[in-house]
Protein backbone atom coordinates (compact mmCIF):
# COMPACT_ATOMS: atom_id res chain seq x y z
CA UNK A 1 -92.76 51.62 94.13
CA UNK A 2 -94.90 52.48 97.11
CA UNK A 3 -93.60 53.76 100.43
CA UNK A 4 -96.06 52.95 103.21
CA UNK A 5 -94.15 54.47 106.13
CA UNK A 6 -94.00 51.29 108.21
CA UNK A 7 -90.71 49.37 108.22
CA UNK A 8 -92.42 45.98 108.56
CA UNK A 9 -95.04 46.65 105.87
CA UNK A 10 -92.51 48.18 103.46
CA UNK A 11 -90.09 45.27 103.97
CA UNK A 12 -92.89 42.72 103.52
CA UNK A 13 -93.81 44.32 100.21
CA UNK A 14 -90.16 44.11 99.11
CA UNK A 15 -90.02 40.43 100.07
CA UNK A 16 -93.08 39.73 97.93
CA UNK A 17 -92.44 42.04 94.97
CA UNK A 18 -88.68 42.67 95.17
CA UNK A 19 -86.89 45.92 95.76
CA UNK A 20 -84.74 47.67 98.32
CA UNK A 21 -85.54 49.55 101.52
CA UNK A 22 -83.15 52.39 102.37
CA UNK A 23 -83.04 54.73 105.31
CA UNK A 24 -79.66 56.50 104.98
CA UNK A 25 -78.23 59.19 107.20
CA UNK A 26 -79.69 62.66 106.77
CA UNK A 27 -78.85 66.11 108.06
CA UNK A 28 -81.57 65.77 110.70
CA UNK A 29 -80.66 62.14 111.51
CA UNK A 30 -76.85 61.88 111.13
CA UNK A 31 -76.79 58.40 112.74
CA UNK A 32 -79.81 57.13 110.83
CA UNK A 33 -83.32 56.90 112.22
CA UNK A 34 -84.01 53.20 112.72
CA UNK A 35 -82.91 51.45 115.90
CA UNK A 36 -80.33 48.69 115.57
CA UNK A 37 -81.48 46.19 118.18
CA UNK A 38 -85.22 46.03 117.72
CA UNK A 39 -85.87 47.36 114.22
CA UNK A 40 -82.86 46.67 112.00
CA UNK A 41 -81.52 43.39 113.44
CA UNK A 42 -84.78 41.41 113.15
CA UNK A 43 -85.37 42.59 109.56
CA UNK A 44 -81.70 41.97 108.68
CA UNK A 45 -81.97 38.42 109.99
CA UNK A 46 -85.05 37.72 107.86
CA UNK A 47 -83.48 39.30 104.78
CA UNK A 48 -80.28 37.29 105.08
CA UNK A 49 -82.20 34.05 105.64
CA UNK A 50 -84.04 34.81 102.39
CA UNK A 51 -80.72 35.31 100.54
CA UNK A 52 -80.64 39.11 100.77
CA UNK A 53 -78.32 41.58 102.44
CA UNK A 54 -78.70 44.23 105.13
CA UNK A 55 -76.00 46.85 105.71
CA UNK A 56 -75.43 50.34 107.02
CA UNK A 57 -74.75 51.58 103.49
CA UNK A 58 -70.99 51.48 104.01
CA UNK A 59 -70.41 47.75 103.64
CA UNK A 60 -70.95 46.83 107.29
CA UNK A 61 -73.45 44.02 107.81
CA UNK A 62 -76.19 45.04 110.25
CA UNK A 63 -75.92 41.65 111.99
CA UNK A 64 -72.22 42.31 112.74
CA UNK A 65 -72.59 45.79 114.26
CA UNK A 66 -71.91 45.61 117.99
CA UNK A 67 -74.44 47.78 119.83
CA UNK A 68 -73.08 50.40 122.21
CA UNK A 69 -76.44 51.46 123.63
CA UNK A 70 -79.99 50.11 123.81
CA UNK A 71 -81.59 52.64 121.46
CA UNK A 72 -78.62 53.00 119.07
CA UNK A 73 -79.66 54.24 115.63
CA UNK A 74 -78.05 53.20 112.35
CA UNK A 75 -78.51 53.87 108.63
CA UNK A 76 -80.27 50.88 107.05
CA UNK A 77 -80.14 49.34 103.57
CA UNK A 78 -81.91 46.01 103.05
CA UNK A 79 -82.95 44.02 100.00
CA UNK A 80 -81.48 41.71 97.41
CA UNK A 81 -77.71 41.39 97.60
CA UNK A 82 -77.23 42.96 94.16
CA UNK A 83 -79.46 45.95 94.88
CA UNK A 84 -77.88 46.70 98.26
CA UNK A 85 -74.37 46.46 96.79
CA UNK A 86 -75.40 48.78 93.94
CA UNK A 87 -76.85 51.29 96.43
CA UNK A 88 -73.62 51.19 98.46
CA UNK A 89 -71.60 51.77 95.30
CA UNK A 90 -73.80 54.77 94.48
CA UNK A 91 -73.39 56.15 98.03
CA UNK A 92 -69.59 55.77 97.84
CA UNK A 93 -69.48 57.64 94.55
CA UNK A 94 -72.10 60.34 95.13
CA UNK A 95 -72.73 60.47 98.89
CA UNK A 96 -72.16 63.73 100.77
């Protein structure tokens, strides 16, 4: 349960120890903060190859989101399939 502040380091820790990495939308970042093409997609690919799941928190797989601009930002949920699905369920029920 340690947040380092680096996507790669935090995700690596979750690969080794388990867990979920979430960066949802916020009032100051309504489209999310992480960039789809060069932050989220590479991590999503690794997670899915390891049997996990990466979504935007609303059931849309990161790997299936079609980019509309180079620096497009998206909300990001990545981890074990069960944990990501549980986080999405929580967001549907209690989000906003």
